[in-house]
């Protein structure tokens, strides 16, 4: 199966919680982890836990790896307006 970007999909979206998907959307922008925590109404420790769980479950080692995996699986698209709504 392929997503709208013609990358093979491995159903990663099905394995993720709503909070994890929201985190991926924000982490794929230029927001800092502190800004993400504020935007999601979470502590830095909570954000660290989500990030570390995603690193392990998606088998990646960096924020860039998370973004690539999210784009390849259609979770994040740089055409979505979510980035325009991010206040700095």
N, C-alpha and C. Protein backbone atom coordinates (compact mmCIF):
# COMPACT_ATOMS: atom_id res chain seq x y z
N UNK A 1 0.84 -1.16 0.00
CA UNK A 1 0.00 0.00 0.00
C UNK A 1 0.89 1.24 0.00
N UNK A 2 0.43 2.30 -0.70
CA UNK A 2 1.19 3.54 -0.79
C UNK A 2 0.36 4.69 -0.28
N UNK A 3 1.03 5.69 0.30
CA UNK A 3 0.31 6.88 0.74
C UNK A 3 0.30 7.91 -0.38
N UNK A 4 -0.21 9.11 -0.09
CA UNK A 4 -0.34 10.14 -1.11
C UNK A 4 0.99 10.65 -1.64
N UNK A 5 2.09 10.39 -0.95
CA UNK A 5 3.41 10.81 -1.39
C UNK A 5 4.12 9.72 -2.18
N UNK A 6 3.42 8.62 -2.48
CA UNK A 6 3.96 7.47 -3.19
C UNK A 6 5.09 6.77 -2.44
N UNK A 7 5.06 6.86 -1.12
CA UNK A 7 5.98 6.10 -0.28
C UNK A 7 5.24 4.86 0.21
N UNK A 8 5.92 3.73 0.35
CA UNK A 8 5.24 2.56 0.90
C UNK A 8 4.80 2.83 2.34
N UNK A 9 3.58 2.44 2.67
CA UNK A 9 3.06 2.62 4.02
C UNK A 9 3.22 1.34 4.80
N UNK A 10 3.53 1.45 6.09
CA UNK A 10 3.60 0.25 6.91
C UNK A 10 2.63 0.34 8.09
N UNK A 11 1.54 1.08 7.92
CA UNK A 11 0.48 1.20 8.90
C UNK A 11 0.96 1.70 10.26
N UNK A 12 1.96 2.55 10.26
CA UNK A 12 2.48 3.13 11.50
C UNK A 12 1.38 3.90 12.21
N UNK A 13 0.55 4.62 11.45
CA UNK A 13 -0.52 5.44 12.03
C UNK A 13 -1.42 4.61 12.94
N UNK A 14 -1.68 3.37 12.56
CA UNK A 14 -2.56 2.51 13.35
C UNK A 14 -1.98 2.19 14.72
N UNK A 15 -0.67 2.27 14.85
CA UNK A 15 0.00 1.92 16.10
C UNK A 15 0.17 3.11 17.04
N UNK A 16 -0.21 4.31 16.61
CA UNK A 16 0.06 5.52 17.38
C UNK A 16 -1.18 6.07 18.06
N UNK A 17 -0.97 6.64 19.25
CA UNK A 17 -2.06 7.31 19.96
C UNK A 17 -2.27 8.70 19.35
N UNK A 18 -3.37 9.33 19.69
CA UNK A 18 -3.64 10.68 19.21
C UNK A 18 -2.55 11.65 19.68
N UNK A 19 -2.10 11.49 20.93
CA UNK A 19 -1.03 12.36 21.46
C UNK A 19 0.27 12.17 20.69
N UNK A 20 0.58 10.93 20.33
CA UNK A 20 1.81 10.65 19.58
C UNK A 20 1.72 11.28 18.18
N UNK A 21 0.57 11.20 17.56
CA UNK A 21 0.39 11.81 16.23
C UNK A 21 0.52 13.32 16.34
N UNK A 22 -0.11 13.91 17.35
CA UNK A 22 -0.01 15.35 17.55
C UNK A 22 1.44 15.75 17.79
N UNK A 23 2.15 14.98 18.61
CA UNK A 23 3.56 15.26 18.87
C UNK A 23 4.36 15.23 17.56
N UNK A 24 4.13 14.22 16.74
CA UNK A 24 4.85 14.10 15.47
C UNK A 24 4.60 15.32 14.57
N UNK A 25 3.36 15.79 14.54
CA UNK A 25 3.05 16.97 13.73
C UNK A 25 3.85 18.18 14.21
N UNK A 26 3.88 18.39 15.52
CA UNK A 26 4.63 19.53 16.07
C UNK A 26 6.14 19.32 15.94
N UNK A 27 6.61 18.11 16.18
CA UNK A 27 8.05 17.83 16.12
C UNK A 27 8.58 17.96 14.71
N UNK A 28 7.71 17.85 13.72
CA UNK A 28 8.12 17.99 12.32
C UNK A 28 8.18 19.44 11.89
N UNK A 29 7.85 20.34 12.81
CA UNK A 29 7.96 21.77 12.53
C UNK A 29 9.25 22.28 13.17
N UNK A 30 9.38 23.59 13.24
CA UNK A 30 10.59 24.14 13.86
C UNK A 30 10.37 24.47 15.34
N UNK A 31 9.31 23.93 15.94
CA UNK A 31 9.05 24.17 17.36
C UNK A 31 10.09 23.44 18.22
N UNK A 32 10.44 24.06 19.34
CA UNK A 32 11.31 23.39 20.30
C UNK A 32 10.46 22.41 21.11
N UNK A 33 11.13 21.50 21.81
CA UNK A 33 10.39 20.57 22.66
C UNK A 33 9.62 21.33 23.75
N UNK A 34 10.18 22.40 24.25
CA UNK A 34 9.50 23.20 25.27
C UNK A 34 8.23 23.82 24.69
N UNK A 35 8.30 24.33 23.47
CA UNK A 35 7.11 24.90 22.82
C UNK A 35 6.05 23.82 22.58
N UNK A 36 6.51 22.62 22.21
CA UNK A 36 5.58 21.51 22.00
C UNK A 36 4.88 21.16 23.31
N UNK A 37 5.65 21.11 24.39
CA UNK A 37 5.07 20.79 25.70
C UNK A 37 4.00 21.81 26.07
N UNK A 38 4.29 23.08 25.88
CA UNK A 38 3.33 24.14 26.18
C UNK A 38 2.09 23.99 25.31
N UNK A 39 2.29 23.80 24.04
CA UNK A 39 1.17 23.68 23.08
C UNK A 39 0.29 22.47 23.40
N UNK A 40 0.90 21.37 23.85
CA UNK A 40 0.15 20.15 24.15
C UNK A 40 -0.34 20.13 25.60
N UNK A 41 0.03 21.13 26.40
CA UNK A 41 -0.39 21.18 27.80
C UNK A 41 0.24 20.08 28.63
N UNK A 42 1.50 19.78 28.34
CA UNK A 42 2.21 18.70 29.02
C UNK A 42 3.51 19.22 29.63
N UNK A 43 4.07 18.43 30.51
CA UNK A 43 5.38 18.76 31.08
C UNK A 43 6.47 18.31 30.10
N UNK A 44 7.66 18.81 30.33
CA UNK A 44 8.80 18.37 29.51
C UNK A 44 9.04 16.88 29.70
N UNK A 45 8.84 16.39 30.92
CA UNK A 45 9.04 14.97 31.19
C UNK A 45 8.05 14.12 30.37
N UNK A 46 6.81 14.59 30.26
CA UNK A 46 5.81 13.89 29.45
C UNK A 46 6.19 13.88 27.98
N UNK A 47 6.70 15.01 27.49
CA UNK A 47 7.14 15.11 26.09
C UNK A 47 8.32 14.18 25.86
N UNK A 48 9.26 14.15 26.80
CA UNK A 48 10.41 13.25 26.69
C UNK A 48 9.97 11.79 26.59
N UNK A 49 8.96 11.42 27.39
CA UNK A 49 8.45 10.04 27.36
C UNK A 49 7.83 9.71 26.01
N UNK A 50 7.03 10.63 25.47
CA UNK A 50 6.42 10.39 24.15
C UNK A 50 7.51 10.25 23.10
N UNK A 51 8.48 11.18 23.13
CA UNK A 51 9.57 11.16 22.14
C UNK A 51 10.35 9.85 22.23
N UNK A 52 10.73 9.46 23.43
CA UNK A 52 11.53 8.25 23.60
C UNK A 52 10.75 7.00 23.18
N UNK A 53 9.44 6.97 23.49
CA UNK A 53 8.61 5.84 23.09
C UNK A 53 8.52 5.76 21.56
N UNK A 54 8.37 6.93 20.90
CA UNK A 54 8.33 6.95 19.44
C UNK A 54 9.66 6.52 18.83
N UNK A 55 10.77 6.99 19.40
CA UNK A 55 12.08 6.55 18.92
C UNK A 55 12.17 5.03 18.93
N UNK A 56 11.75 4.43 20.04
CA UNK A 56 11.83 2.98 20.17
C UNK A 56 10.84 2.26 19.25
N UNK A 57 9.58 2.68 19.28
CA UNK A 57 8.55 1.98 18.51
C UNK A 57 8.69 2.15 17.01
N UNK A 58 9.22 3.29 16.57
CA UNK A 58 9.39 3.54 15.14
C UNK A 58 10.80 3.21 14.66
N UNK A 59 11.64 2.76 15.57
CA UNK A 59 13.01 2.36 15.26
C UNK A 59 13.80 3.46 14.57
N UNK A 60 13.78 4.64 15.21
CA UNK A 60 14.57 5.77 14.71
C UNK A 60 15.40 6.32 15.87
N UNK A 61 16.37 7.15 15.55
CA UNK A 61 17.30 7.63 16.57
C UNK A 61 17.33 9.15 16.72
N UNK A 62 16.52 9.87 15.91
CA UNK A 62 16.57 11.32 15.96
C UNK A 62 15.22 11.93 15.58
N UNK A 63 15.12 13.23 15.82
CA UNK A 63 13.92 13.97 15.44
C UNK A 63 13.74 13.94 13.92
N UNK A 64 14.84 14.02 13.20
CA UNK A 64 14.77 13.93 11.74
C UNK A 64 14.21 12.57 11.32
N UNK A 65 14.67 11.51 11.99
CA UNK A 65 14.17 10.17 11.69
C UNK A 65 12.68 10.07 11.95
N UNK A 66 12.20 10.70 13.03
CA UNK A 66 10.76 10.72 13.31
C UNK A 66 10.00 11.41 12.18
N UNK A 67 10.53 12.55 11.74
CA UNK A 67 9.87 13.32 10.68
C UNK A 67 9.82 12.52 9.38
N UNK A 68 10.93 11.91 9.01
CA UNK A 68 10.98 11.12 7.77
C UNK A 68 9.96 9.98 7.84
N UNK A 69 9.93 9.27 8.95
CA UNK A 69 9.01 8.16 9.12
C UNK A 69 7.55 8.65 9.05
N UNK A 70 7.29 9.80 9.68
CA UNK A 70 5.93 10.36 9.68
C UNK A 70 5.50 10.77 8.28
N UNK A 71 6.39 11.37 7.51
CA UNK A 71 6.07 11.78 6.14
C UNK A 71 5.85 10.55 5.25
N UNK A 72 6.75 9.58 5.35
CA UNK A 72 6.63 8.37 4.53
C UNK A 72 5.34 7.61 4.79
N UNK A 73 4.80 7.74 6.00
CA UNK A 73 3.59 7.02 6.35
C UNK A 73 2.33 7.89 6.32
N UNK A 74 2.47 9.08 5.76
CA UNK A 74 1.30 9.94 5.58
C UNK A 74 0.75 10.55 6.86
N UNK A 75 1.53 10.51 7.94
CA UNK A 75 1.09 11.07 9.21
C UNK A 75 1.26 12.58 9.20
N UNK A 76 2.34 13.03 8.59
CA UNK A 76 2.66 14.45 8.49
C UNK A 76 2.79 14.81 7.02
N UNK A 77 2.18 15.94 6.67
CA UNK A 77 2.34 16.47 5.33
C UNK A 77 2.68 17.94 5.47
N UNK A 78 3.65 18.40 4.75
CA UNK A 78 4.04 19.80 4.87
C UNK A 78 3.07 20.72 4.15
N UNK A 79 2.03 20.14 3.56
CA UNK A 79 0.99 20.93 2.92
C UNK A 79 -0.17 21.19 3.87
N UNK A 80 -0.19 20.52 5.02
CA UNK A 80 -1.26 20.71 6.01
C UNK A 80 -1.11 22.08 6.66
N UNK A 81 -2.23 22.73 6.99
CA UNK A 81 -2.15 24.06 7.61
C UNK A 81 -1.72 24.07 9.07
N UNK A 82 -1.47 22.92 9.68
CA UNK A 82 -1.08 22.89 11.09
C UNK A 82 0.15 23.74 11.36
N UNK A 83 1.04 23.83 10.40
CA UNK A 83 2.27 24.61 10.59
C UNK A 83 2.02 26.09 10.55
N UNK A 84 1.05 26.51 9.77
CA UNK A 84 0.73 27.93 9.69
C UNK A 84 0.13 28.42 11.01
N UNK A 85 -0.49 27.53 11.76
CA UNK A 85 -1.15 27.91 13.01
C UNK A 85 -0.19 27.92 14.20
N UNK A 86 1.03 27.49 14.00
CA UNK A 86 2.00 27.41 15.10
C UNK A 86 2.53 28.81 15.37
N UNK A 87 2.33 29.27 16.61
CA UNK A 87 2.82 30.60 16.99
C UNK A 87 4.19 30.45 17.64
N UNK A 88 5.05 31.38 17.34
CA UNK A 88 6.40 31.34 17.91
C UNK A 88 6.51 32.31 19.04
